[in-house]
N, C-alpha and C. Protein backbone atom coordinates (compact mmCIF):
# COMPACT_ATOMS: atom_id res chain seq x y z
N UNK A 1 4.94 8.70 22.62
CA UNK A 1 4.47 9.19 21.24
C UNK A 1 3.00 8.92 21.28
N UNK A 2 2.19 9.91 20.83
CA UNK A 2 0.78 9.69 20.78
C UNK A 2 0.39 8.91 19.52
N UNK A 3 -0.85 8.52 19.47
CA UNK A 3 -1.27 7.71 18.33
C UNK A 3 -1.22 8.52 17.06
N UNK A 4 -1.54 9.77 17.06
CA UNK A 4 -1.54 10.67 15.96
C UNK A 4 -0.05 10.83 15.48
N UNK A 5 0.84 10.98 16.38
CA UNK A 5 2.24 11.12 16.11
C UNK A 5 2.82 9.89 15.48
N UNK A 6 2.40 8.69 15.94
CA UNK A 6 2.85 7.45 15.37
C UNK A 6 2.45 7.28 13.89
N UNK A 7 1.17 7.63 13.65
CA UNK A 7 0.59 7.54 12.29
C UNK A 7 1.44 8.55 11.35
N UNK A 8 1.65 9.69 11.86
CA UNK A 8 2.37 10.73 11.07
C UNK A 8 3.82 10.20 10.81
N UNK A 9 4.40 9.62 11.78
CA UNK A 9 5.76 9.01 11.67
C UNK A 9 5.80 7.93 10.61
N UNK A 10 4.85 7.08 10.62
CA UNK A 10 4.89 5.95 9.59
C UNK A 10 4.54 6.53 8.23
N UNK A 11 3.71 7.53 8.13
CA UNK A 11 3.45 8.16 6.82
C UNK A 11 4.70 8.86 6.30
N UNK A 12 5.43 9.52 7.24
CA UNK A 12 6.69 10.20 6.84
C UNK A 12 7.70 9.15 6.34
N UNK A 13 7.81 8.00 7.06
CA UNK A 13 8.75 6.99 6.62
C UNK A 13 8.39 6.42 5.26
N UNK A 14 7.08 6.28 4.95
CA UNK A 14 6.68 5.80 3.68
C UNK A 14 7.03 6.81 2.60
N UNK A 15 6.88 8.11 2.91
CA UNK A 15 7.25 9.13 1.92
C UNK A 15 8.76 9.13 1.71
N UNK A 16 9.54 8.91 2.73
CA UNK A 16 11.04 8.80 2.62
C UNK A 16 11.39 7.62 1.73
N UNK A 17 10.68 6.57 1.92
CA UNK A 17 10.93 5.32 1.18
C UNK A 17 10.66 5.58 -0.30
N UNK A 18 9.55 6.25 -0.60
CA UNK A 18 9.22 6.53 -1.98
C UNK A 18 10.23 7.48 -2.67
N UNK A 19 10.65 8.47 -1.90
CA UNK A 19 11.74 9.37 -2.44
C UNK A 19 13.05 8.63 -2.66
N UNK A 20 13.40 7.75 -1.73
CA UNK A 20 14.59 6.99 -1.89
C UNK A 20 14.57 6.05 -3.11
N UNK A 21 13.40 5.43 -3.35
CA UNK A 21 13.27 4.54 -4.46
C UNK A 21 13.42 5.34 -5.77
N UNK A 22 12.83 6.51 -5.85
CA UNK A 22 12.98 7.30 -7.00
C UNK A 22 14.42 7.76 -7.24
N UNK A 23 15.16 7.90 -6.18
CA UNK A 23 16.59 8.29 -6.24
C UNK A 23 17.51 7.14 -6.43
N UNK A 24 17.01 5.92 -6.44
CA UNK A 24 17.85 4.73 -6.64
C UNK A 24 18.02 3.88 -5.41
N UNK A 25 17.36 4.25 -4.31
CA UNK A 25 17.46 3.40 -3.10
C UNK A 25 18.40 4.01 -2.09
N UNK A 26 18.39 3.37 -0.89
CA UNK A 26 19.27 3.80 0.16
C UNK A 26 19.47 2.66 1.13
N UNK A 27 20.53 2.85 1.94
CA UNK A 27 20.77 1.90 3.01
C UNK A 27 20.84 2.68 4.27
N UNK A 28 20.08 2.25 5.24
CA UNK A 28 20.01 3.01 6.52
C UNK A 28 19.99 2.03 7.67
N UNK A 29 20.64 2.36 8.72
CA UNK A 29 20.58 1.59 9.95
C UNK A 29 19.47 2.17 10.77
N UNK A 30 18.39 1.38 11.02
CA UNK A 30 17.26 1.92 11.73
C UNK A 30 17.46 2.03 13.26
N UNK A 31 18.38 1.26 13.76
CA UNK A 31 18.52 1.26 15.22
C UNK A 31 19.95 0.78 15.67
N UNK A 32 20.32 1.21 16.82
CA UNK A 32 21.55 0.68 17.34
C UNK A 32 21.33 -0.63 18.10
N UNK A 33 20.09 -0.92 18.35
CA UNK A 33 19.68 -2.15 19.09
C UNK A 33 19.60 -3.31 18.12
N UNK A 34 20.51 -4.28 18.33
CA UNK A 34 20.62 -5.41 17.43
C UNK A 34 19.32 -6.20 17.23
N UNK A 35 18.60 -6.42 18.31
CA UNK A 35 17.41 -7.35 18.34
C UNK A 35 16.13 -6.56 17.91
N UNK A 36 16.14 -5.31 17.70
CA UNK A 36 15.00 -4.56 17.31
C UNK A 36 14.57 -4.91 15.90
N UNK A 37 13.27 -5.22 15.69
CA UNK A 37 12.80 -5.55 14.32
C UNK A 37 12.77 -4.34 13.40
N UNK A 38 12.94 -4.67 12.16
CA UNK A 38 12.87 -3.67 11.08
C UNK A 38 11.64 -3.96 10.23
N UNK A 39 10.86 -2.95 9.87
CA UNK A 39 9.64 -3.16 9.16
C UNK A 39 9.63 -2.51 7.80
N UNK A 40 8.92 -3.14 6.87
CA UNK A 40 8.68 -2.59 5.54
C UNK A 40 7.54 -1.57 5.58
N UNK A 41 7.86 -0.31 5.83
CA UNK A 41 6.86 0.65 6.10
C UNK A 41 5.96 0.96 4.84
N UNK A 42 6.56 0.89 3.72
CA UNK A 42 5.72 1.08 2.45
C UNK A 42 4.66 -0.05 2.36
N UNK A 43 5.02 -1.28 2.65
CA UNK A 43 4.03 -2.36 2.57
C UNK A 43 2.96 -2.18 3.66
N UNK A 44 3.41 -1.74 4.89
CA UNK A 44 2.40 -1.48 5.92
C UNK A 44 1.44 -0.45 5.49
N UNK A 45 1.90 0.64 4.92
CA UNK A 45 1.04 1.72 4.48
C UNK A 45 0.09 1.27 3.43
N UNK A 46 0.59 0.50 2.46
CA UNK A 46 -0.30 -0.06 1.37
C UNK A 46 -1.33 -0.96 1.93
N UNK A 47 -0.91 -1.84 2.82
CA UNK A 47 -1.84 -2.78 3.45
C UNK A 47 -2.92 -2.08 4.17
N UNK A 48 -2.55 -1.07 4.99
CA UNK A 48 -3.59 -0.35 5.77
C UNK A 48 -4.55 0.45 4.87
N UNK A 49 -4.08 0.99 3.77
CA UNK A 49 -4.91 1.68 2.84
C UNK A 49 -5.92 0.83 2.24
N UNK A 50 -5.41 -0.43 1.80
CA UNK A 50 -6.32 -1.43 1.23
C UNK A 50 -7.41 -1.91 2.19
N UNK A 51 -7.01 -2.10 3.46
CA UNK A 51 -7.92 -2.62 4.46
C UNK A 51 -8.78 -1.47 5.10
N UNK A 52 -8.43 -0.26 4.84
CA UNK A 52 -9.16 0.89 5.39
C UNK A 52 -8.96 1.06 6.84
N UNK A 53 -7.74 0.73 7.29
CA UNK A 53 -7.40 0.83 8.73
C UNK A 53 -6.16 1.73 8.91
N UNK A 54 -5.93 2.18 10.12
CA UNK A 54 -4.75 2.93 10.52
C UNK A 54 -3.72 1.88 11.01
N UNK A 55 -2.43 2.24 10.80
CA UNK A 55 -1.34 1.33 11.26
C UNK A 55 -1.48 0.87 12.70
N UNK A 56 -1.94 1.76 13.57
CA UNK A 56 -2.08 1.44 15.01
C UNK A 56 -3.20 0.44 15.26
N UNK A 57 -4.11 0.19 14.28
CA UNK A 57 -5.22 -0.72 14.46
C UNK A 57 -4.76 -2.15 14.01
N UNK A 58 -3.58 -2.28 13.50
CA UNK A 58 -3.13 -3.62 13.08
C UNK A 58 -2.88 -4.44 14.33
N UNK A 59 -3.15 -5.79 14.12
CA UNK A 59 -2.80 -6.76 15.17
C UNK A 59 -1.32 -7.01 15.17
N UNK A 60 -0.84 -7.59 16.21
CA UNK A 60 0.56 -7.91 16.32
C UNK A 60 0.93 -8.94 15.17
N UNK A 61 0.10 -9.88 14.92
CA UNK A 61 0.23 -10.85 13.82
C UNK A 61 0.36 -10.11 12.50
N UNK A 62 -0.48 -9.15 12.23
CA UNK A 62 -0.46 -8.47 10.96
C UNK A 62 0.83 -7.71 10.89
N UNK A 63 1.22 -6.96 11.94
CA UNK A 63 2.46 -6.18 11.98
C UNK A 63 3.70 -7.07 11.81
N UNK A 64 3.70 -8.22 12.48
CA UNK A 64 4.87 -9.10 12.41
C UNK A 64 5.03 -9.66 10.93
N UNK A 65 4.02 -9.66 10.12
CA UNK A 65 4.15 -10.12 8.76
C UNK A 65 4.99 -9.16 7.86
N UNK A 66 5.24 -8.02 8.43
CA UNK A 66 6.00 -6.95 7.63
C UNK A 66 7.34 -6.76 8.20
N UNK A 67 7.81 -7.66 9.04
CA UNK A 67 9.19 -7.59 9.58
C UNK A 67 10.16 -8.01 8.38
N UNK A 68 11.15 -7.19 8.21
CA UNK A 68 12.22 -7.46 7.18
C UNK A 68 13.32 -8.14 7.91
N UNK A 69 13.80 -9.30 7.34
CA UNK A 69 14.80 -10.10 7.98
C UNK A 69 16.11 -9.74 7.39
């Protein structure tokens, strides 16, 4: 996946999250892999907009702060 495609993917996930919230929420399994982390994409998008960066410019430490447990 290219950098541009990753950014578009994260933006689409944020849009989906917004639509789901307006509809009352949703439950989705993000992966079949048990150990794969799950991220709060809305918070990542907001954080990046506030910092004026793209999601791919985040450090691992920054990204890890958005893991949902």
